[in-house]
Amino acid sequence: MQTVPTSPVPDPGSRIRIIALGDELLAGIGDARALGWLGRAVASEQGADCRIDVFSAALPGETSAELAERWDADVKRRFSEQGRADGSVDHRVVLAMGRADVEAGISLARSRLNLAKILDGLERLRIPAFVVGPAPSRDPATTAGVRELSGAFEDVCARRRIPYVDTVGGLVGHDQWESDLARSAGDHPGQTGYGLIAWLVLHSGFGAWLGTSR
């Protein structure tokens, strides 16, 4: 697990604004509690001294190429220039990378370039990023491709010292994950699976990245 850069503790009068981009797992599809992994992770870090607002933009079945085309406009629509100017809003971006690149046949080199384009753009905007990798599929062949895709994404993040969560590495072969996936009507988890993803996110330095915990 890579070292996660810590952030200064936010001013008590400020709010953290998470702008989250990703696919249907970011939206928590199939979760009876409608929280998904992001809602669970944020709830664990929310406190009286630090308020976190989440502005999500999820698109089902999105590839990294499609995300690379839309990220800039979607981030800017949810960005508060006034909040940055007066220090009342601390902006952060969470990227939830899906496995659609595997299904679409996009090469690893192209997937790497797409993520690099997004991260370099966020760096120019001076917005910290936190990247969550794709989750395993119920199909073993797809999961094998997801492992390679996740490794490529992780390398892109490591080169930029950006925190990355290898969810496929943490979940593949996990009995509770596989049981939850097997009960699903689609290739997505339920409450148990989203809880497991949230656990991985929280134990990969999410709070340190936000500056809400050490």
N, C-alpha and C. Protein backbone atom coordinates (compact mmCIF):
# COMPACT_ATOMS: atom_id res chain seq x y z
N MET A 1 0.85 -1.19 0.00
CA MET A 1 0.00 0.00 0.00
C MET A 1 0.89 1.25 0.00
N GLN A 2 0.66 2.16 -0.90
CA GLN A 2 1.52 3.32 -1.00
C GLN A 2 1.21 4.34 0.08
N THR A 3 2.19 5.18 0.39
CA THR A 3 2.00 6.23 1.37
C THR A 3 1.09 7.30 0.80
N VAL A 4 0.08 7.70 1.59
CA VAL A 4 -0.88 8.70 1.14
C VAL A 4 -0.46 10.06 1.64
N PRO A 5 -0.32 11.06 0.74
CA PRO A 5 0.01 12.40 1.19
C PRO A 5 -1.06 12.92 2.12
N THR A 6 -0.65 13.47 3.25
CA THR A 6 -1.63 14.02 4.18
C THR A 6 -1.93 15.46 3.81
N SER A 7 -3.11 15.91 4.24
CA SER A 7 -3.54 17.28 3.96
C SER A 7 -3.65 18.04 5.28
N PRO A 8 -3.50 19.37 5.23
CA PRO A 8 -3.67 20.14 6.45
C PRO A 8 -5.08 19.96 7.01
N VAL A 9 -5.21 20.01 8.34
CA VAL A 9 -6.54 19.94 8.94
C VAL A 9 -7.34 21.15 8.48
N PRO A 10 -8.55 20.93 7.91
CA PRO A 10 -9.33 22.04 7.37
C PRO A 10 -9.71 23.04 8.45
N ASP A 11 -9.85 24.29 8.07
CA ASP A 11 -10.33 25.32 8.96
C ASP A 11 -11.75 24.94 9.41
N PRO A 12 -12.08 25.09 10.72
CA PRO A 12 -13.41 24.70 11.20
C PRO A 12 -14.54 25.39 10.46
N GLY A 13 -14.28 26.57 9.90
CA GLY A 13 -15.32 27.29 9.19
C GLY A 13 -15.45 26.90 7.73
N SER A 14 -14.57 26.04 7.25
CA SER A 14 -14.60 25.65 5.85
C SER A 14 -15.33 24.34 5.65
N ARG A 15 -15.64 24.05 4.40
CA ARG A 15 -16.28 22.80 4.04
C ARG A 15 -15.43 22.11 2.99
N ILE A 16 -15.36 20.79 3.08
CA ILE A 16 -14.70 20.02 2.05
C ILE A 16 -15.75 19.66 1.00
N ARG A 17 -15.44 19.93 -0.25
CA ARG A 17 -16.35 19.58 -1.34
C ARG A 17 -15.70 18.49 -2.17
N ILE A 18 -16.25 17.29 -2.08
CA ILE A 18 -15.77 16.18 -2.90
C ILE A 18 -16.55 16.16 -4.21
N ILE A 19 -15.83 16.26 -5.30
CA ILE A 19 -16.43 16.10 -6.62
C ILE A 19 -16.04 14.70 -7.08
N ALA A 20 -17.03 13.83 -7.23
CA ALA A 20 -16.76 12.42 -7.52
C ALA A 20 -17.23 12.05 -8.93
N LEU A 21 -16.34 11.46 -9.69
CA LEU A 21 -16.64 11.04 -11.06
C LEU A 21 -16.39 9.56 -11.20
N GLY A 22 -17.28 8.85 -11.88
CA GLY A 22 -17.10 7.42 -12.05
C GLY A 22 -18.27 6.76 -12.74
N ASP A 23 -18.37 5.44 -12.57
CA ASP A 23 -19.41 4.69 -13.25
C ASP A 23 -20.52 4.28 -12.28
N GLU A 24 -21.25 3.22 -12.60
CA GLU A 24 -22.41 2.84 -11.80
C GLU A 24 -22.07 2.39 -10.39
N LEU A 25 -20.86 1.89 -10.15
CA LEU A 25 -20.49 1.52 -8.79
C LEU A 25 -20.33 2.75 -7.90
N LEU A 26 -19.91 3.85 -8.48
CA LEU A 26 -19.86 5.10 -7.72
C LEU A 26 -21.25 5.51 -7.28
N ALA A 27 -22.24 5.25 -8.14
CA ALA A 27 -23.64 5.61 -7.82
C ALA A 27 -24.27 4.64 -6.83
N GLY A 28 -23.58 3.52 -6.54
CA GLY A 28 -24.12 2.56 -5.58
C GLY A 28 -25.25 1.71 -6.13
N ILE A 29 -25.23 1.43 -7.42
CA ILE A 29 -26.29 0.61 -8.00
C ILE A 29 -26.38 -0.74 -7.29
N GLY A 30 -27.60 -1.14 -6.95
CA GLY A 30 -27.81 -2.41 -6.27
C GLY A 30 -27.71 -2.34 -4.76
N ASP A 31 -27.40 -1.19 -4.20
CA ASP A 31 -27.28 -1.04 -2.75
C ASP A 31 -28.64 -0.67 -2.18
N ALA A 32 -29.20 -1.55 -1.35
CA ALA A 32 -30.52 -1.31 -0.78
C ALA A 32 -30.54 -0.07 0.12
N ARG A 33 -29.39 0.31 0.64
CA ARG A 33 -29.32 1.50 1.50
C ARG A 33 -29.02 2.77 0.70
N ALA A 34 -28.75 2.61 -0.59
CA ALA A 34 -28.51 3.74 -1.49
C ALA A 34 -27.33 4.61 -1.05
N LEU A 35 -26.34 4.00 -0.43
CA LEU A 35 -25.16 4.74 0.03
C LEU A 35 -23.95 4.50 -0.86
N GLY A 36 -23.83 3.28 -1.39
CA GLY A 36 -22.64 2.94 -2.14
C GLY A 36 -21.42 2.98 -1.24
N TRP A 37 -20.25 2.80 -1.84
CA TRP A 37 -19.03 2.84 -1.01
C TRP A 37 -18.65 4.26 -0.63
N LEU A 38 -18.93 5.22 -1.51
CA LEU A 38 -18.53 6.60 -1.22
C LEU A 38 -19.32 7.17 -0.05
N GLY A 39 -20.63 6.92 -0.03
CA GLY A 39 -21.44 7.40 1.07
C GLY A 39 -20.99 6.84 2.41
N ARG A 40 -20.62 5.56 2.41
CA ARG A 40 -20.15 4.94 3.64
C ARG A 40 -18.81 5.52 4.08
N ALA A 41 -17.91 5.72 3.12
CA ALA A 41 -16.59 6.25 3.46
C ALA A 41 -16.69 7.68 3.98
N VAL A 42 -17.50 8.49 3.32
CA VAL A 42 -17.66 9.88 3.74
C VAL A 42 -18.32 9.96 5.12
N ALA A 43 -19.31 9.12 5.35
CA ALA A 43 -19.99 9.12 6.65
C ALA A 43 -19.01 8.81 7.79
N SER A 44 -18.02 7.98 7.52
CA SER A 44 -17.03 7.64 8.54
C SER A 44 -16.10 8.81 8.86
N GLU A 45 -15.94 9.72 7.91
CA GLU A 45 -15.03 10.86 8.10
C GLU A 45 -15.75 12.15 8.46
N GLN A 46 -17.07 12.15 8.35
CA GLN A 46 -17.86 13.34 8.65
C GLN A 46 -17.85 13.59 10.15
N GLY A 47 -17.68 14.84 10.54
CA GLY A 47 -17.65 15.15 11.96
C GLY A 47 -18.07 16.59 12.23
N ALA A 48 -18.21 16.91 13.50
CA ALA A 48 -18.66 18.25 13.88
C ALA A 48 -17.66 19.32 13.48
N ASP A 49 -16.37 18.98 13.44
CA ASP A 49 -15.34 19.97 13.12
C ASP A 49 -15.05 20.07 11.63
N CYS A 50 -15.65 19.20 10.87
CA CYS A 50 -15.36 19.22 9.43
C CYS A 50 -16.57 18.70 8.66
N ARG A 51 -17.15 19.53 7.85
CA ARG A 51 -18.32 19.14 7.08
C ARG A 51 -17.90 18.81 5.65
N ILE A 52 -18.39 17.67 5.17
CA ILE A 52 -18.04 17.19 3.84
C ILE A 52 -19.29 17.16 2.96
N ASP A 53 -19.22 17.83 1.84
CA ASP A 53 -20.29 17.80 0.85
C ASP A 53 -19.84 16.96 -0.34
N VAL A 54 -20.74 16.17 -0.90
CA VAL A 54 -20.40 15.32 -2.03
C VAL A 54 -21.25 15.69 -3.24
N PHE A 55 -20.56 15.97 -4.34
CA PHE A 55 -21.22 16.27 -5.61
C PHE A 55 -20.77 15.20 -6.61
N SER A 56 -21.65 14.22 -6.85
CA SER A 56 -21.29 13.09 -7.70
C SER A 56 -21.81 13.26 -9.13
N ALA A 57 -21.05 12.69 -10.06
CA ALA A 57 -21.46 12.64 -11.47
C ALA A 57 -21.07 11.27 -12.00
N ALA A 58 -22.01 10.32 -11.91
CA ALA A 58 -21.75 8.95 -12.31
C ALA A 58 -22.45 8.63 -13.63
N LEU A 59 -21.75 7.90 -14.49
CA LEU A 59 -22.32 7.47 -15.77
C LEU A 59 -22.10 5.97 -15.93
N PRO A 60 -23.16 5.19 -16.12
CA PRO A 60 -23.03 3.74 -16.23
C PRO A 60 -22.22 3.31 -17.44
N GLY A 61 -21.35 2.33 -17.23
CA GLY A 61 -20.58 1.74 -18.32
C GLY A 61 -19.56 2.66 -18.95
N GLU A 62 -19.10 3.67 -18.21
CA GLU A 62 -18.19 4.66 -18.78
C GLU A 62 -16.77 4.13 -18.87
N THR A 63 -16.13 4.36 -20.02
CA THR A 63 -14.72 4.01 -20.20
C THR A 63 -13.83 5.16 -19.75
N SER A 64 -12.55 4.89 -19.63
CA SER A 64 -11.61 5.96 -19.25
C SER A 64 -11.55 7.02 -20.35
N ALA A 65 -11.76 6.61 -21.61
CA ALA A 65 -11.74 7.58 -22.71
C ALA A 65 -12.91 8.55 -22.58
N GLU A 66 -14.07 8.02 -22.22
CA GLU A 66 -15.24 8.89 -22.05
C GLU A 66 -15.08 9.79 -20.84
N LEU A 67 -14.50 9.26 -19.78
CA LEU A 67 -14.25 10.07 -18.59
C LEU A 67 -13.25 11.18 -18.90
N ALA A 68 -12.24 10.87 -19.71
CA ALA A 68 -11.23 11.87 -20.06
C ALA A 68 -11.83 13.02 -20.87
N GLU A 69 -12.92 12.75 -21.56
CA GLU A 69 -13.57 13.79 -22.34
C GLU A 69 -14.46 14.70 -21.50
N ARG A 70 -15.04 14.17 -20.44
CA ARG A 70 -16.03 14.95 -19.69
C ARG A 70 -15.55 15.50 -18.36
N TRP A 71 -14.43 15.00 -17.83
CA TRP A 71 -14.06 15.34 -16.46
C TRP A 71 -13.95 16.84 -16.24
N ASP A 72 -13.35 17.55 -17.19
CA ASP A 72 -13.08 18.97 -17.01
C ASP A 72 -14.37 19.77 -16.83
N ALA A 73 -15.32 19.53 -17.73
CA ALA A 73 -16.59 20.26 -17.66
C ALA A 73 -17.35 19.90 -16.38
N ASP A 74 -17.36 18.62 -16.01
CA ASP A 74 -18.12 18.22 -14.83
C ASP A 74 -17.49 18.74 -13.54
N VAL A 75 -16.17 18.79 -13.48
CA VAL A 75 -15.52 19.36 -12.30
C VAL A 75 -15.79 20.85 -12.20
N LYS A 76 -15.66 21.54 -13.30
CA LYS A 76 -15.85 23.00 -13.27
C LYS A 76 -17.28 23.38 -12.93
N ARG A 77 -18.25 22.57 -13.33
CA ARG A 77 -19.65 22.85 -12.99
C ARG A 77 -19.89 22.75 -11.49
N ARG A 78 -19.08 21.97 -10.82
CA ARG A 78 -19.27 21.73 -9.39
C ARG A 78 -18.24 22.46 -8.53
N PHE A 79 -17.46 23.31 -9.14
CA PHE A 79 -16.38 24.03 -8.46
C PHE A 79 -16.86 25.41 -8.05
N SER A 80 -16.50 25.82 -6.85
CA SER A 80 -16.86 27.15 -6.34
C SER A 80 -15.65 28.07 -6.38
N GLU A 81 -15.60 28.97 -7.35
CA GLU A 81 -14.50 29.93 -7.42
C GLU A 81 -14.50 30.84 -6.20
N GLN A 82 -15.69 31.24 -5.76
CA GLN A 82 -15.79 32.10 -4.59
C GLN A 82 -15.30 31.36 -3.34
N GLY A 83 -15.66 30.06 -3.26
CA GLY A 83 -15.23 29.27 -2.12
C GLY A 83 -13.73 29.11 -2.06
N ARG A 84 -13.08 28.95 -3.22
CA ARG A 84 -11.61 28.88 -3.22
C ARG A 84 -11.03 30.24 -2.84
N ALA A 85 -11.61 31.30 -3.36
CA ALA A 85 -11.06 32.64 -3.12
C ALA A 85 -11.12 33.03 -1.65
N ASP A 86 -12.23 32.71 -0.98
CA ASP A 86 -12.36 33.14 0.42
C ASP A 86 -11.99 32.02 1.41
N GLY A 87 -11.57 30.86 0.89
CA GLY A 87 -11.12 29.78 1.75
C GLY A 87 -12.22 29.00 2.42
N SER A 88 -13.47 29.20 1.99
CA SER A 88 -14.59 28.52 2.65
C SER A 88 -14.84 27.12 2.09
N VAL A 89 -14.26 26.82 0.92
CA VAL A 89 -14.47 25.51 0.30
C VAL A 89 -13.13 24.89 -0.09
N ASP A 90 -12.87 23.69 0.41
CA ASP A 90 -11.67 22.93 0.09
C ASP A 90 -12.07 21.84 -0.91
N HIS A 91 -11.71 22.04 -2.17
CA HIS A 91 -12.15 21.13 -3.23
C HIS A 91 -11.26 19.89 -3.33
N ARG A 92 -11.88 18.74 -3.57
CA ARG A 92 -11.20 17.47 -3.77
C ARG A 92 -11.91 16.70 -4.88
N VAL A 93 -11.17 15.88 -5.63
CA VAL A 93 -11.80 15.06 -6.67
C VAL A 93 -11.50 13.59 -6.41
N VAL A 94 -12.56 12.79 -6.38
CA VAL A 94 -12.44 11.33 -6.30
C VAL A 94 -12.77 10.76 -7.68
N LEU A 95 -11.87 9.97 -8.21
CA LEU A 95 -12.08 9.28 -9.49
C LEU A 95 -12.31 7.81 -9.21
N ALA A 96 -13.48 7.31 -9.57
CA ALA A 96 -13.80 5.89 -9.40
C ALA A 96 -13.71 5.23 -10.77
N MET A 97 -12.58 4.66 -11.05
CA MET A 97 -12.35 4.07 -12.37
C MET A 97 -13.07 2.73 -12.50
N GLY A 98 -13.81 2.56 -13.60
CA GLY A 98 -14.55 1.33 -13.81
C GLY A 98 -13.79 0.32 -14.64
N ARG A 99 -14.45 -0.78 -14.95
CA ARG A 99 -13.82 -1.85 -15.72
C ARG A 99 -14.26 -1.86 -17.17
N ALA A 100 -14.97 -0.81 -17.62
CA ALA A 100 -15.51 -0.79 -18.97
C ALA A 100 -14.43 -0.82 -20.04
N ASP A 101 -13.21 -0.38 -19.71
CA ASP A 101 -12.11 -0.43 -20.69
C ASP A 101 -11.84 -1.87 -21.12
N VAL A 102 -11.96 -2.81 -20.18
CA VAL A 102 -11.72 -4.21 -20.49
C VAL A 102 -12.79 -4.71 -21.47
N GLU A 103 -14.03 -4.40 -21.18
CA GLU A 103 -15.13 -4.85 -22.02
C GLU A 103 -15.12 -4.17 -23.38
N ALA A 104 -14.59 -2.93 -23.44
CA ALA A 104 -14.56 -2.18 -24.70
C ALA A 104 -13.31 -2.50 -25.53
N GLY A 105 -12.38 -3.24 -24.96
CA GLY A 105 -11.16 -3.60 -25.69
C GLY A 105 -10.16 -2.47 -25.82
N ILE A 106 -10.21 -1.51 -24.91
CA ILE A 106 -9.25 -0.40 -24.93
C ILE A 106 -7.90 -0.91 -24.44
N SER A 107 -6.84 -0.53 -25.12
CA SER A 107 -5.51 -1.01 -24.75
C SER A 107 -5.08 -0.41 -23.41
N LEU A 108 -4.19 -1.13 -22.71
CA LEU A 108 -3.67 -0.62 -21.44
C LEU A 108 -2.95 0.71 -21.63
N ALA A 109 -2.22 0.84 -22.73
CA ALA A 109 -1.50 2.09 -23.00
C ALA A 109 -2.47 3.26 -23.12
N ARG A 110 -3.58 3.03 -23.81
CA ARG A 110 -4.57 4.10 -23.97
C ARG A 110 -5.26 4.40 -22.64
N SER A 111 -5.55 3.36 -21.86
CA SER A 111 -6.17 3.58 -20.55
C SER A 111 -5.25 4.41 -19.65
N ARG A 112 -3.96 4.10 -19.68
CA ARG A 112 -2.98 4.87 -18.91
C ARG A 112 -2.99 6.33 -19.33
N LEU A 113 -2.98 6.57 -20.63
CA LEU A 113 -2.96 7.95 -21.13
C LEU A 113 -4.21 8.70 -20.73
N ASN A 114 -5.35 8.02 -20.76
CA ASN A 114 -6.60 8.69 -20.39
C ASN A 114 -6.58 9.13 -18.94
N LEU A 115 -6.14 8.24 -18.05
CA LEU A 115 -6.08 8.62 -16.63
C LEU A 115 -5.03 9.71 -16.41
N ALA A 116 -3.89 9.59 -17.08
CA ALA A 116 -2.84 10.60 -16.93
C ALA A 116 -3.34 11.98 -17.36
N LYS A 117 -4.12 12.01 -18.43
CA LYS A 117 -4.68 13.28 -18.91
C LYS A 117 -5.54 13.93 -17.84
N ILE A 118 -6.37 13.13 -17.18
CA ILE A 118 -7.25 13.66 -16.14
C ILE A 118 -6.44 14.16 -14.94
N LEU A 119 -5.51 13.34 -14.47
CA LEU A 119 -4.73 13.70 -13.28
C LEU A 119 -3.86 14.92 -13.53
N ASP A 120 -3.27 15.02 -14.72
CA ASP A 120 -2.45 16.18 -15.03
C ASP A 120 -3.31 17.44 -15.13
N GLY A 121 -4.53 17.27 -15.63
CA GLY A 121 -5.44 18.41 -15.68
C GLY A 121 -5.85 18.88 -14.30
N LEU A 122 -6.10 17.94 -13.40
CA LEU A 122 -6.45 18.31 -12.02
C LEU A 122 -5.27 18.98 -11.33
N GLU A 123 -4.07 18.53 -11.63
CA GLU A 123 -2.88 19.16 -11.07
C GLU A 123 -2.78 20.61 -11.52
N ARG A 124 -3.07 20.86 -12.78
CA ARG A 124 -3.04 22.25 -13.27
C ARG A 124 -4.09 23.12 -12.57
N LEU A 125 -5.22 22.51 -12.23
CA LEU A 125 -6.28 23.24 -11.53
C LEU A 125 -6.02 23.32 -10.02
N ARG A 126 -4.94 22.65 -9.56
CA ARG A 126 -4.57 22.61 -8.15
C ARG A 126 -5.69 21.98 -7.29
N ILE A 127 -6.23 20.86 -7.81
CA ILE A 127 -7.25 20.12 -7.07
C ILE A 127 -6.69 18.73 -6.74
N PRO A 128 -6.58 18.37 -5.46
CA PRO A 128 -6.06 17.05 -5.10
C PRO A 128 -6.99 15.93 -5.58
N ALA A 129 -6.39 14.82 -6.00
CA ALA A 129 -7.16 13.67 -6.50
C ALA A 129 -6.93 12.43 -5.65
N PHE A 130 -7.94 11.58 -5.61
CA PHE A 130 -7.90 10.29 -4.94
C PHE A 130 -8.54 9.30 -5.90
N VAL A 131 -7.83 8.23 -6.27
CA VAL A 131 -8.31 7.33 -7.31
C VAL A 131 -8.63 5.96 -6.73
N VAL A 132 -9.82 5.48 -7.07
CA VAL A 132 -10.27 4.15 -6.66
C VAL A 132 -10.36 3.28 -7.91
N GLY A 133 -9.67 2.15 -7.89
CA GLY A 133 -9.60 1.30 -9.06
C GLY A 133 -10.83 0.44 -9.27
N PRO A 134 -10.90 -0.24 -10.41
CA PRO A 134 -12.06 -1.06 -10.76
C PRO A 134 -12.16 -2.31 -9.90
N ALA A 135 -13.39 -2.75 -9.68
CA ALA A 135 -13.67 -3.92 -8.84
C ALA A 135 -13.74 -5.20 -9.67
N PRO A 136 -13.58 -6.35 -9.03
CA PRO A 136 -13.69 -7.62 -9.76
C PRO A 136 -15.08 -7.83 -10.34
N SER A 137 -15.12 -8.62 -11.40
CA SER A 137 -16.37 -9.02 -12.04
C SER A 137 -16.72 -10.44 -11.61
N ARG A 138 -17.96 -10.84 -11.85
CA ARG A 138 -18.31 -12.23 -11.60
C ARG A 138 -17.73 -13.15 -12.68
N ASP A 139 -17.27 -12.55 -13.79
CA ASP A 139 -16.67 -13.30 -14.88
C ASP A 139 -15.16 -13.35 -14.69
N PRO A 140 -14.57 -14.54 -14.54
CA PRO A 140 -13.13 -14.65 -14.27
C PRO A 140 -12.26 -14.02 -15.36
N ALA A 141 -12.67 -14.14 -16.62
CA ALA A 141 -11.87 -13.57 -17.71
C ALA A 141 -11.85 -12.05 -17.63
N THR A 142 -13.01 -11.47 -17.31
CA THR A 142 -13.07 -10.01 -17.15
C THR A 142 -12.22 -9.58 -15.97
N THR A 143 -12.29 -10.33 -14.88
CA THR A 143 -11.51 -9.99 -13.70
C THR A 143 -10.01 -10.04 -13.98
N ALA A 144 -9.59 -10.99 -14.79
CA ALA A 144 -8.16 -11.06 -15.16
C ALA A 144 -7.75 -9.79 -15.90
N GLY A 145 -8.61 -9.30 -16.79
CA GLY A 145 -8.33 -8.05 -17.48
C GLY A 145 -8.35 -6.86 -16.55
N VAL A 146 -9.25 -6.89 -15.57
CA VAL A 146 -9.34 -5.81 -14.59
C VAL A 146 -8.07 -5.74 -13.75
N ARG A 147 -7.49 -6.89 -13.43
CA ARG A 147 -6.23 -6.90 -12.66
C ARG A 147 -5.14 -6.14 -13.42
N GLU A 148 -5.03 -6.40 -14.71
CA GLU A 148 -4.03 -5.71 -15.53
C GLU A 148 -4.35 -4.22 -15.63
N LEU A 149 -5.62 -3.91 -15.81
CA LEU A 149 -6.04 -2.51 -15.91
C LEU A 149 -5.73 -1.77 -14.61
N SER A 150 -6.04 -2.39 -13.49
CA SER A 150 -5.79 -1.77 -12.19
C SER A 150 -4.30 -1.52 -11.99
N GLY A 151 -3.47 -2.48 -12.41
CA GLY A 151 -2.03 -2.29 -12.29
C GLY A 151 -1.53 -1.11 -13.10
N ALA A 152 -2.13 -0.92 -14.29
CA ALA A 152 -1.75 0.22 -15.13
C ALA A 152 -2.17 1.53 -14.47
N PHE A 153 -3.39 1.57 -13.94
CA PHE A 153 -3.87 2.77 -13.27
C PHE A 153 -3.02 3.09 -12.04
N GLU A 154 -2.67 2.05 -11.29
CA GLU A 154 -1.88 2.27 -10.08
C GLU A 154 -0.51 2.86 -10.41
N ASP A 155 0.09 2.40 -11.50
CA ASP A 155 1.39 2.92 -11.90
C ASP A 155 1.30 4.40 -12.27
N VAL A 156 0.25 4.78 -12.99
CA VAL A 156 0.05 6.18 -13.36
C VAL A 156 -0.04 7.05 -12.09
N CYS A 157 -0.80 6.56 -11.10
CA CYS A 157 -0.95 7.32 -9.86
C CYS A 157 0.35 7.37 -9.06
N ALA A 158 1.07 6.25 -9.00
CA ALA A 158 2.32 6.20 -8.23
C ALA A 158 3.33 7.19 -8.77
N ARG A 159 3.39 7.33 -10.08
CA ARG A 159 4.33 8.26 -10.69
C ARG A 159 4.02 9.71 -10.33
N ARG A 160 2.78 9.96 -9.95
CA ARG A 160 2.34 11.32 -9.60
C ARG A 160 2.11 11.48 -8.10
N ARG A 161 2.42 10.44 -7.34
CA ARG A 161 2.24 10.46 -5.89
C ARG A 161 0.79 10.76 -5.51
N ILE A 162 -0.12 10.11 -6.22
CA ILE A 162 -1.54 10.26 -5.98
C ILE A 162 -2.06 8.96 -5.38
N PRO A 163 -2.83 9.03 -4.29
CA PRO A 163 -3.31 7.79 -3.66
C PRO A 163 -4.19 6.97 -4.59
N TYR A 164 -3.99 5.66 -4.54
CA TYR A 164 -4.74 4.74 -5.39
C TYR A 164 -5.19 3.54 -4.55
N VAL A 165 -6.43 3.12 -4.75
CA VAL A 165 -6.99 1.96 -4.04
C VAL A 165 -7.15 0.81 -5.03
N ASP A 166 -6.40 -0.25 -4.82
CA ASP A 166 -6.47 -1.43 -5.68
C ASP A 166 -7.60 -2.33 -5.19
N THR A 167 -8.84 -2.04 -5.60
CA THR A 167 -9.97 -2.81 -5.10
C THR A 167 -9.98 -4.24 -5.63
N VAL A 168 -9.55 -4.43 -6.86
CA VAL A 168 -9.57 -5.80 -7.39
C VAL A 168 -8.60 -6.68 -6.61
N GLY A 169 -7.44 -6.15 -6.24
CA GLY A 169 -6.49 -6.92 -5.46
C GLY A 169 -7.01 -7.24 -4.07
N GLY A 170 -7.80 -6.32 -3.52
CA GLY A 170 -8.33 -6.53 -2.17
C GLY A 170 -9.58 -7.39 -2.12
N LEU A 171 -10.28 -7.52 -3.25
CA LEU A 171 -11.58 -8.20 -3.22
C LEU A 171 -11.63 -9.53 -3.95
N VAL A 172 -10.77 -9.74 -4.93
CA VAL A 172 -10.84 -10.98 -5.69
C VAL A 172 -10.56 -12.17 -4.76
N GLY A 173 -11.43 -13.15 -4.82
CA GLY A 173 -11.30 -14.31 -3.96
C GLY A 173 -11.87 -14.12 -2.57
N HIS A 174 -12.37 -12.93 -2.25
CA HIS A 174 -12.95 -12.66 -0.94
C HIS A 174 -14.34 -13.31 -0.87
N ASP A 175 -14.56 -14.18 0.10
CA ASP A 175 -15.80 -14.95 0.17
C ASP A 175 -17.04 -14.06 0.23
N GLN A 176 -16.99 -13.02 1.08
CA GLN A 176 -18.16 -12.16 1.22
C GLN A 176 -18.44 -11.37 -0.05
N TRP A 177 -17.38 -10.91 -0.72
CA TRP A 177 -17.56 -10.19 -1.98
C TRP A 177 -18.18 -11.10 -3.03
N GLU A 178 -17.64 -12.28 -3.17
CA GLU A 178 -18.11 -13.19 -4.21
C GLU A 178 -19.53 -13.66 -3.94
N SER A 179 -19.88 -13.87 -2.68
CA SER A 179 -21.24 -14.26 -2.33
C SER A 179 -22.21 -13.12 -2.62
N ASP A 180 -21.80 -11.90 -2.31
CA ASP A 180 -22.65 -10.73 -2.55
C ASP A 180 -22.86 -10.54 -4.05
N LEU A 181 -21.80 -10.71 -4.82
CA LEU A 181 -21.88 -10.56 -6.27
C LEU A 181 -22.78 -11.63 -6.88
N ALA A 182 -22.69 -12.85 -6.34
CA ALA A 182 -23.50 -13.96 -6.86
C ALA A 182 -24.99 -13.73 -6.63
N ARG A 183 -25.34 -13.01 -5.57
CA ARG A 183 -26.75 -12.73 -5.27
C ARG A 183 -27.31 -11.58 -6.09
N SER A 184 -26.42 -10.82 -6.73
CA SER A 184 -26.85 -9.64 -7.48
C SER A 184 -27.49 -10.02 -8.81
N ALA A 185 -28.46 -9.21 -9.23
CA ALA A 185 -29.09 -9.41 -10.53
C ALA A 185 -28.18 -8.95 -11.66
N GLY A 186 -27.19 -8.15 -11.34
CA GLY A 186 -26.23 -7.66 -12.33
C GLY A 186 -24.81 -7.94 -11.87
N ASP A 187 -23.85 -7.35 -12.55
CA ASP A 187 -22.44 -7.58 -12.20
C ASP A 187 -21.97 -6.49 -11.24
N HIS A 188 -22.70 -6.37 -10.14
CA HIS A 188 -22.38 -5.35 -9.15
C HIS A 188 -22.71 -5.89 -7.77
N PRO A 189 -22.13 -5.34 -6.72
CA PRO A 189 -22.37 -5.84 -5.36
C PRO A 189 -23.66 -5.31 -4.76
N GLY A 190 -23.93 -5.75 -3.54
CA GLY A 190 -25.01 -5.21 -2.73
C GLY A 190 -24.41 -4.52 -1.52
N GLN A 191 -25.15 -4.49 -0.42
CA GLN A 191 -24.68 -3.76 0.75
C GLN A 191 -23.33 -4.28 1.26
N THR A 192 -23.18 -5.59 1.32
CA THR A 192 -21.93 -6.15 1.84
C THR A 192 -20.74 -5.74 0.99
N GLY A 193 -20.90 -5.86 -0.33
CA GLY A 193 -19.80 -5.51 -1.23
C GLY A 193 -19.41 -4.06 -1.17
N TYR A 194 -20.40 -3.18 -1.10
CA TYR A 194 -20.07 -1.75 -1.01
C TYR A 194 -19.40 -1.44 0.33
N GLY A 195 -19.80 -2.16 1.37
CA GLY A 195 -19.12 -1.98 2.65
C GLY A 195 -17.66 -2.40 2.59
N LEU A 196 -17.38 -3.46 1.84
CA LEU A 196 -16.00 -3.91 1.69
C LEU A 196 -15.16 -2.89 0.90
N ILE A 197 -15.74 -2.34 -0.16
CA ILE A 197 -15.01 -1.31 -0.92
C ILE A 197 -14.74 -0.11 -0.02
N ALA A 198 -15.74 0.31 0.75
CA ALA A 198 -15.56 1.45 1.65
C ALA A 198 -14.44 1.16 2.65
N TRP A 199 -14.37 -0.08 3.17
CA TRP A 199 -13.32 -0.45 4.11
C TRP A 199 -11.95 -0.30 3.46
N LEU A 200 -11.82 -0.75 2.22
CA LEU A 200 -10.54 -0.62 1.51
C LEU A 200 -10.17 0.85 1.32
N VAL A 201 -11.15 1.65 0.97
CA VAL A 201 -10.90 3.09 0.75
C VAL A 201 -10.44 3.74 2.06
N LEU A 202 -11.15 3.46 3.13
CA LEU A 202 -10.81 4.06 4.42
C LEU A 202 -9.45 3.61 4.92
N HIS A 203 -9.07 2.38 4.62
CA HIS A 203 -7.78 1.86 5.06
C HIS A 203 -6.66 2.11 4.06
N SER A 204 -6.97 2.92 3.05
CA SER A 204 -5.94 3.34 2.07
C SER A 204 -5.65 4.82 2.19
N GLY A 205 -6.00 5.39 3.34
CA GLY A 205 -5.64 6.78 3.61
C GLY A 205 -6.63 7.83 3.20
N PHE A 206 -7.89 7.46 3.06
CA PHE A 206 -8.91 8.44 2.64
C PHE A 206 -9.00 9.61 3.62
N GLY A 207 -9.01 9.29 4.91
CA GLY A 207 -9.10 10.35 5.92
C GLY A 207 -7.88 11.23 5.95
N ALA A 208 -6.69 10.64 5.79
CA ALA A 208 -5.45 11.45 5.75
C ALA A 208 -5.45 12.35 4.52
N TRP A 209 -5.96 11.83 3.41
CA TRP A 209 -6.03 12.64 2.18
C TRP A 209 -6.98 13.82 2.36
N LEU A 210 -8.10 13.58 3.04
CA LEU A 210 -9.05 14.65 3.30
C LEU A 210 -8.54 15.63 4.36
N GLY A 211 -7.68 15.12 5.24
CA GLY A 211 -7.23 15.92 6.37
C GLY A 211 -8.15 15.83 7.56
N THR A 212 -9.05 14.83 7.54
CA THR A 212 -10.00 14.67 8.62
C THR A 212 -9.53 13.69 9.69
N SER A 213 -8.53 12.86 9.36
CA SER A 213 -7.96 11.94 10.34
C SER A 213 -6.52 11.66 9.97
N ARG A 214 -5.79 11.09 10.87
CA ARG A 214 -4.37 10.84 10.66
C ARG A 214 -4.08 9.35 10.61
